[in-house]
C-alpha atoms as a PDB file:
ATOM      1  CA  MET A   1       0.047   0.021  -0.088  1.00  0.00           C
ATOM      2  CA  ASN A   2       3.086   2.261  -0.126  1.00  0.00           C
ATOM      3  CA  LEU A   3       4.633   3.248  -3.487  1.00  0.00           C
ATOM      4  CA  THR A   4       8.430   3.195  -3.407  1.00  0.00           C
ATOM      5  CA  VAL A   5       8.600   6.140  -5.965  1.00  0.00           C
ATOM      6  CA  LEU A   6       6.531   9.310  -5.737  1.00  0.00           C
ATOM      7  CA  PRO A   7       6.719  12.510  -7.889  1.00  0.00           C
ATOM      8  CA  ALA A   8       9.179  14.987  -6.428  1.00  0.00           C
ATOM      9  CA  ASP A   9       6.474  17.787  -5.876  1.00  0.00           C
ATOM     10  CA  LEU A  10       4.287  15.418  -3.975  1.00  0.00           C
ATOM     11  CA  LYS A  11       7.217  14.434  -1.686  1.00  0.00           C
ATOM     12  CA  LYS A  12       7.577  18.088  -0.914  1.00  0.00           C
ATOM     13  CA  GLN A  13       3.883  18.295   0.139  1.00  0.00           C
ATOM     14  CA  ILE A  14       4.180  15.429   2.521  1.00  0.00           C
ATOM     15  CA  GLU A  15       7.509  16.558   3.955  1.00  0.00           C
ATOM     16  CA  ASN A  16       7.940  14.704   7.350  1.00  0.00           C
ATOM     17  CA  GLU A  17       4.404  13.653   7.889  1.00  0.00           C
ATOM     18  CA  LYS A  18       3.688   9.968   8.696  1.00  0.00           C
ATOM     19  CA  THR A  19       1.927   8.256   5.934  1.00  0.00           C
ATOM     20  CA  ASP A  20      -0.656   5.521   6.317  1.00  0.00           C
ATOM     21  CA  PHE A  21      -0.555   4.759   2.477  1.00  0.00           C
ATOM     22  CA  SER A  22       0.557   5.957  -0.886  1.00  0.00           C
ATOM     23  CA  ILE A  23      -1.181   4.689  -3.830  1.00  0.00           C
ATOM     24  CA  LYS A  24      -1.833   5.431  -7.551  1.00  0.00           C
ATOM     25  CA  ALA A  25      -5.361   5.117  -8.944  1.00  0.00           C
ATOM     26  CA  GLN A  26      -5.858   3.751 -12.406  1.00  0.00           C
ATOM     27  CA  ARG A  27      -8.787   6.069 -13.199  1.00  0.00           C
ATOM     28  CA  LYS A  28     -10.016   9.546 -12.300  1.00  0.00           C
ATOM     29  CA  GLN A  29     -13.511   8.487 -11.791  1.00  0.00           C
ATOM     30  CA  PRO A  30     -15.458   5.094 -11.769  1.00  0.00           C
ATOM     31  CA  LEU A  31     -16.103   3.671 -15.258  1.00  0.00           C
ATOM     32  CA  SER A  32     -19.782   3.411 -14.378  1.00  0.00           C
ATOM     33  CA  LYS A  33     -19.914   7.281 -13.920  1.00  0.00           C
ATOM     34  CA  SER A  34     -18.278   8.022 -17.308  1.00  0.00           C
ATOM     35  CA  LEU A  35     -20.572   5.443 -19.133  1.00  0.00           C
ATOM     36  CA  GLY A  36     -23.610   6.911 -17.321  1.00  0.00           C
ATOM     37  CA  GLY A  37     -22.725  10.504 -18.508  1.00  0.00           C
ATOM     38  CA  LEU A  38     -22.136   9.033 -22.074  1.00  0.00           C
ATOM     39  CA  LEU A  39     -25.630   7.387 -22.092  1.00  0.00           C
ATOM     40  CA  ILE A  40     -27.183  10.709 -20.963  1.00  0.00           C
ATOM     41  CA  GLY A  41     -25.369  12.606 -23.652  1.00  0.00           C
ATOM     42  CA  ILE A  42     -26.461  10.177 -26.358  1.00  0.00           C
ATOM     43  CA  LEU A  43     -30.081  10.249 -25.177  1.00  0.00           C
ATOM     44  CA  MET A  44     -30.058  14.095 -25.118  1.00  0.00           C
ATOM     45  CA  CYS A  45     -28.734  14.244 -28.712  1.00  0.00           C
ATOM     46  CA  ALA A  46     -31.208  11.585 -29.882  1.00  0.00           C
ATOM     47  CA  PHE A  47     -34.088  13.405 -28.338  1.00  0.00           C
ATOM     48  CA  MET A  48     -32.967  16.789 -29.933  1.00  0.00           C
ATOM     49  CA  SER A  49     -32.506  15.028 -33.360  1.00  0.00           C
ATOM     50  CA  LEU A  50     -36.128  13.799 -33.314  1.00  0.00           C
ATOM     51  CA  PHE A  51     -37.304  17.266 -32.146  1.00  0.00           C
ATOM     52  CA  ILE A  52     -35.285  18.982 -34.932  1.00  0.00           C
ATOM     53  CA  TYR A  53     -36.735  16.614 -37.511  1.00  0.00           C
ATOM     54  CA  GLY A  54     -40.259  17.106 -36.324  1.00  0.00           C
ATOM     55  CA  PHE A  55     -39.947  20.910 -35.887  1.00  0.00           C
ATOM     56  CA  LEU A  56     -37.757  21.853 -38.816  1.00  0.00           C
ATOM     57  CA  GLY A  57     -38.474  18.831 -41.104  1.00  0.00           C
ATOM     58  CA  PRO A  58     -40.909  20.882 -43.338  1.00  0.00           C
ATOM     59  CA  LEU A  59     -38.153  23.544 -43.978  1.00  0.00           C
ATOM     60  CA  PHE A  60     -35.917  20.810 -45.441  1.00  0.00           C
ATOM     61  CA  LYS A  61     -38.768  20.048 -47.963  1.00  0.00           C
ATOM     62  CA  ASN A  62     -39.001  23.763 -48.745  1.00  0.00           C
ATOM     63  CA  GLU A  63     -42.426  23.887 -46.985  1.00  0.00           C
ATOM     64  CA  GLU A  64     -43.708  26.025 -44.055  1.00  0.00           C
ATOM     65  CA  THR A  65     -43.457  25.007 -40.311  1.00  0.00           C
ATOM     66  CA  HIS A  66     -46.189  26.041 -37.906  1.00  0.00           C
ATOM     67  CA  PHE A  67     -45.824  26.468 -34.121  1.00  0.00           C
ATOM     68  CA  GLU A  68     -46.893  28.746 -31.330  1.00  0.00           C
ATOM     69  CA  SER A  69     -44.923  31.683 -29.840  1.00  0.00           C
ATOM     70  CA  ASN A  70     -46.457  32.991 -26.546  1.00  0.00           C
ATOM     71  CA  GLY A  71     -49.654  31.375 -27.398  1.00  0.00           C
ATOM     72  CA  VAL A  72     -49.861  33.000 -30.930  1.00  0.00           C
ATOM     73  CA  PRO A  73     -49.839  30.725 -34.049  1.00  0.00           C
ATOM     74  CA  VAL A  74     -46.575  31.353 -36.108  1.00  0.00           C
ATOM     75  CA  THR A  75     -45.499  30.373 -39.526  1.00  0.00           C
ATOM     76  CA  ALA A  76     -41.871  30.239 -40.749  1.00  0.00           C
ATOM     77  CA  SER A  77     -40.306  29.250 -43.983  1.00  0.00           C
ATOM     78  CA  LEU A  78     -37.006  29.356 -45.825  1.00  0.00           C
ATOM     79  CA  ASP A  79     -37.899  32.784 -47.122  1.00  0.00           C
ATOM     80  CA  ASP A  80     -38.782  34.078 -43.662  1.00  0.00           C
ATOM     81  CA  LEU A  81     -36.701  32.728 -40.806  1.00  0.00           C
ATOM     82  CA  GLY A  82     -37.221  35.568 -38.381  1.00  0.00           C
ATOM     83  CA  GLU A  83     -39.611  33.728 -36.094  1.00  0.00           C
ATOM     84  CA  LEU A  84     -37.082  30.736 -35.776  1.00  0.00           C
ATOM     85  CA  ILE A  85     -34.269  32.832 -34.126  1.00  0.00           C
ATOM     86  CA  VAL A  86     -35.456  32.301 -30.569  1.00  0.00           C
ATOM     87  CA  PRO A  87     -36.468  28.667 -30.806  1.00  0.00           C
ATOM     88  CA  GLY A  88     -33.552  27.956 -33.179  1.00  0.00           C
ATOM     89  CA  GLY A  89     -31.211  29.281 -30.529  1.00  0.00           C
ATOM     90  CA  ILE A  90     -32.703  27.199 -27.878  1.00  0.00           C
ATOM     91  CA  ILE A  91     -32.483  24.171 -29.913  1.00  0.00           C
ATOM     92  CA  CYS A  92     -28.759  24.786 -30.774  1.00  0.00           C
ATOM     93  CA  LEU A  93     -27.952  25.340 -26.960  1.00  0.00           C
ATOM     94  CA  LEU A  94     -29.646  22.117 -26.003  1.00  0.00           C
ATOM     95  CA  THR A  95     -28.001  20.208 -28.857  1.00  0.00           C
ATOM     96  CA  LEU A  96     -24.555  21.579 -27.897  1.00  0.00           C
ATOM     97  CA  ALA A  97     -25.136  20.749 -24.330  1.00  0.00           C
ATOM     98  CA  GLY A  98     -25.803  17.072 -25.287  1.00  0.00           C
ATOM     99  CA  ILE A  99     -22.615  17.102 -27.451  1.00  0.00           C
ATOM    100  CA  TYR A 100     -20.600  18.502 -24.582  1.00  0.00           C
ATOM    101  CA  VAL A 101     -21.880  15.913 -22.302  1.00  0.00           C
ATOM    102  CA  ILE A 102     -20.723  13.090 -24.818  1.00  0.00           C
ATOM    103  CA  ILE A 103     -17.200  14.619 -25.407  1.00  0.00           C
ATOM    104  CA  ASN A 104     -16.636  15.110 -21.572  1.00  0.00           C
ATOM    105  CA  SER A 105     -17.717  11.528 -20.901  1.00  0.00           C
ATOM    106  CA  ILE A 106     -15.517  10.059 -23.703  1.00  0.00           C
ATOM    107  CA  TYR A 107     -12.679  12.165 -22.391  1.00  0.00           C
ATOM    108  CA  SER A 108     -13.251  10.997 -18.835  1.00  0.00           C
ATOM    109  CA  LEU A 109     -13.100   7.350 -19.979  1.00  0.00           C
ATOM    110  CA  PHE A 110      -9.434   7.763 -20.800  1.00  0.00           C
ATOM    111  CA  GLN A 111      -8.461  10.019 -17.846  1.00  0.00           C
ATOM    112  CA  LYS A 112      -5.862   8.297 -15.638  1.00  0.00           C
ATOM    113  CA  GLY A 113      -6.022   8.488 -11.861  1.00  0.00           C
ATOM    114  CA  GLY A 114      -3.642  10.360  -9.758  1.00  0.00           C
ATOM    115  CA  TYR A 115      -1.698   9.662  -6.580  1.00  0.00           C
ATOM    116  CA  PHE A 116      -3.366   9.556  -3.253  1.00  0.00           C
ATOM    117  CA  VAL A 117      -1.558   9.756   0.132  1.00  0.00           C
ATOM    118  CA  GLY A 118      -3.151   9.394   3.514  1.00  0.00           C
ATOM    119  CA  THR A 119      -1.454  10.930   6.518  1.00  0.00           C
ATOM    120  CA  GLU A 120      -2.574  11.268  10.126  1.00  0.00           C
ATOM    121  CA  THR A 121      -4.437  14.603   9.394  1.00  0.00           C
ATOM    122  CA  ARG A 122      -5.267  14.608   5.648  1.00  0.00           C
ATOM    123  CA  LEU A 123      -5.804  12.968   2.391  1.00  0.00           C
ATOM    124  CA  ILE A 124      -3.489  14.359  -0.296  1.00  0.00           C
ATOM    125  CA  GLN A 125      -4.458  14.084  -4.000  1.00  0.00           C
ATOM    126  CA  PHE A 126      -1.878  14.614  -6.664  1.00  0.00           C
ATOM    127  CA  GLN A 127      -2.534  14.752 -10.401  1.00  0.00           C
ATOM    128  CA  ASN A 128      -0.770  16.456 -13.404  1.00  0.00           C
ATOM    129  CA  GLY A 129       1.236  18.626 -10.959  1.00  0.00           C
ATOM    130  CA  LYS A 130      -1.917  19.768  -9.013  1.00  0.00           C
ATOM    131  CA  THR A 131      -2.107  19.018  -5.290  1.00  0.00           C
ATOM    132  CA  THR A 132      -5.452  18.916  -3.303  1.00  0.00           C
ATOM    133  CA  SER A 133      -5.370  18.455   0.382  1.00  0.00           C
ATOM    134  CA  THR A 134      -8.495  17.481   2.395  1.00  0.00           C
ATOM    135  CA  ASP A 135      -8.364  17.250   6.232  1.00  0.00           C
ATOM    136  CA  TRP A 136      -9.997  14.110   7.571  1.00  0.00           C
ATOM    137  CA  GLU A 137     -12.528  16.333   9.518  1.00  0.00           C
ATOM    138  CA  GLN A 138     -14.076  17.265   6.176  1.00  0.00           C
ATOM    139  CA  PHE A 139     -15.190  13.746   5.536  1.00  0.00           C
ATOM    140  CA  THR A 140     -18.643  12.555   6.786  1.00  0.00           C
ATOM    141  CA  GLY A 141     -17.560   8.966   7.125  1.00  0.00           C
ATOM    142  CA  ASN A 142     -19.878   7.681   4.413  1.00  0.00           C
ATOM    143  CA  VAL A 143     -17.878   5.598   2.133  1.00  0.00           C
ATOM    144  CA  LYS A 144     -19.004   3.518  -0.696  1.00  0.00           C
ATOM    145  CA  ILE A 145     -16.890   0.483  -1.821  1.00  0.00           C
ATOM    146  CA  LYS A 146     -17.167  -1.414  -5.189  1.00  0.00           C
ATOM    147  CA  ALA A 147     -14.658  -4.088  -5.401  1.00  0.00           C
ATOM    148  CA  ARG A 148     -13.844  -7.585  -6.396  1.00  0.00           C
ATOM    149  CA  ASN A 149     -10.836  -9.627  -5.241  1.00  0.00           C
ATOM    150  CA  ASN A 150      -9.559  -6.615  -3.134  1.00  0.00           C
ATOM    151  CA  PHE A 151      -9.469  -4.397  -6.353  1.00  0.00           C
ATOM    152  CA  GLY A 152     -12.050  -1.715  -6.958  1.00  0.00           C
ATOM    153  CA  ASN A 153     -13.112   1.778  -6.218  1.00  0.00           C
ATOM    154  CA  LEU A 154     -13.914   3.973  -3.208  1.00  0.00           C
ATOM    155  CA  GLU A 155     -16.091   7.024  -2.996  1.00  0.00           C
ATOM    156  CA  PHE A 156     -15.644   9.389  -0.056  1.00  0.00           C
ATOM    157  CA  GLU A 157     -18.372  11.774   0.869  1.00  0.00           C
ATOM    158  CA  LEU A 158     -17.439  15.207   2.248  1.00  0.00           C
ATOM    159  CA  ARG A 159     -19.259  17.724   4.314  1.00  0.00           C
ATOM    160  CA  THR A 160     -19.034  20.264   1.584  1.00  0.00           C
ATOM    161  CA  GLY A 161     -21.384  20.452  -1.413  1.00  0.00           C
ATOM    162  CA  LYS A 162     -24.070  22.450  -2.928  1.00  0.00           C
ATOM    163  CA  MET A 163     -27.888  22.801  -2.725  1.00  0.00           C
ATOM    164  CA  GLU A 164     -29.746  21.380  -5.764  1.00  0.00           C
ATOM    165  CA  SER A 165     -33.185  22.712  -6.605  1.00  0.00           C
ATOM    166  CA  ARG A 166     -35.907  20.234  -7.371  1.00  0.00           C
ATOM    167  CA  LYS A 167     -39.303  20.913  -8.947  1.00  0.00           C
ATOM    168  CA  ASN A 168     -42.182  20.656  -6.533  1.00  0.00           C
ATOM    169  CA  ASN A 169     -39.700  19.456  -3.748  1.00  0.00           C
ATOM    170  CA  PRO A 170     -37.422  21.119  -1.266  1.00  0.00           C
ATOM    171  CA  ASP A 171     -33.901  21.815  -2.196  1.00  0.00           C
ATOM    172  CA  LYS A 172     -31.605  18.879  -1.762  1.00  0.00           C
ATOM    173  CA  PHE A 173     -28.052  18.963  -0.495  1.00  0.00           C
ATOM    174  CA  VAL A 174     -25.591  17.157  -2.787  1.00  0.00           C
ATOM    175  CA  PRO A 175     -22.266  16.476  -1.015  1.00  0.00           C
ATOM    176  CA  ASP A 176     -18.875  16.571  -2.868  1.00  0.00           C
ATOM    177  CA  ILE A 177     -17.402  13.330  -3.558  1.00  0.00           C
ATOM    178  CA  ILE A 178     -13.778  12.188  -3.752  1.00  0.00           C
ATOM    179  CA  TYR A 179     -13.218   9.273  -6.012  1.00  0.00           C
ATOM    180  CA  VAL A 180     -10.486   6.736  -5.707  1.00  0.00           C
ATOM    181  CA  SER A 181     -10.813   4.379  -8.674  1.00  0.00           C
ATOM    182  CA  GLY A 182      -8.988   1.335  -9.713  1.00  0.00           C
ATOM    183  CA  ILE A 183      -6.809   0.494  -6.762  1.00  0.00           C
ATOM    184  CA  GLU A 184      -5.342  -2.569  -5.076  1.00  0.00           C
ATOM    185  CA  ASN A 185      -6.049  -3.344  -1.350  1.00  0.00           C
ATOM    186  CA  VAL A 186      -9.198  -1.518  -1.537  1.00  0.00           C
ATOM    187  CA  TYR A 187     -10.550  -2.795   1.772  1.00  0.00           C
ATOM    188  CA  GLU A 188      -7.406  -2.025   3.725  1.00  0.00           C
ATOM    189  CA  ILE A 189      -7.256   1.415   2.299  1.00  0.00           C
ATOM    190  CA  GLU A 190     -10.861   2.055   3.356  1.00  0.00           C
ATOM    191  CA  LYS A 191     -10.163   0.788   6.815  1.00  0.00           C
ATOM    192  CA  LYS A 192      -7.335   3.077   7.359  1.00  0.00           C
ATOM    193  CA  CYS A 193      -9.227   6.037   6.034  1.00  0.00           C
ATOM    194  CA  ARG A 194     -12.250   5.204   8.294  1.00  0.00           C
ATOM    195  CA  VAL A 195      -9.922   5.194  11.237  1.00  0.00           C
ATOM    196  CA  ARG A 196      -8.528   8.614  10.574  1.00  0.00           C
ATOM    197  CA  ILE A 197     -11.951  10.067   9.747  1.00  0.00           C
ATOM    198  CA  LYS A 198     -13.297   8.804  13.146  1.00  0.00           C
ATOM    199  CA  GLU A 199     -10.234  10.263  14.881  1.00  0.00           C
ATOM    200  CA  ASN A 200     -10.739  13.599  13.334  1.00  0.00           C
ATOM    201  CA  ASP A 201     -14.570  13.782  13.510  1.00  0.00           C
ATOM    202  CA  PRO A 202     -15.495  17.326  14.688  1.00  0.00           C
ATOM    203  CA  THR A 203     -18.959  16.082  15.814  1.00  0.00           C
ATOM    204  CA  PRO A 204     -19.138  16.248  19.630  1.00  0.00           C
ATOM    205  CA  ALA A 205     -19.406  12.814  21.214  1.00  0.00           C
ATOM    206  CA  VAL A 206     -22.658  12.247  23.023  1.00  0.00           C
ATOM    207  CA  VAL A 207     -22.155  10.769  26.557  1.00  0.00           C
ATOM    208  CA  LEU A 208     -25.062   8.784  27.976  1.00  0.00           C
ATOM    209  CA  ASN A 209     -25.569   8.609  31.693  1.00  0.00           C
END
């Protein structure tokens, strides 16, 4: 669980701290997350393709297309595209959003994981010369493990995050996640991390009389 060779810049970050483990992840994020994003992007583009065909199809045949704008019936043709500026812009934005999701998901499929070093006080991430240090007290203690034969992925939930608005429902807090994907000795790493998280838990202990 300890690499014999670490990047020089990472060594400087660790200095004289005692390390529990030092590992290198194979992937930046779980394969399932990348494939899920790719599927969403494909579905978005497929839906927009059908919508474009149904909405703009008549124009391709040099015919008029009919729709409503603010409740008022509108007609557009190749000779008069003025009424299509706003809906056309929305269609382009949604289509580009789907394409972006696909490209980003494909890129994430090939992103290699970085180095992870656990010390007594923090978890250090190092990738492409960038270092991110997260104190153990920032972890909630909720950890997801997906592994087989002691090889797999870890997902650590943090106390930080953002509020996500939901239609007809109260806003939901979505925590930040640290992914450690494609590592050996996954159970041992999780156990060491859980010990440090518990030791640094800022939540006051409840004493029962």
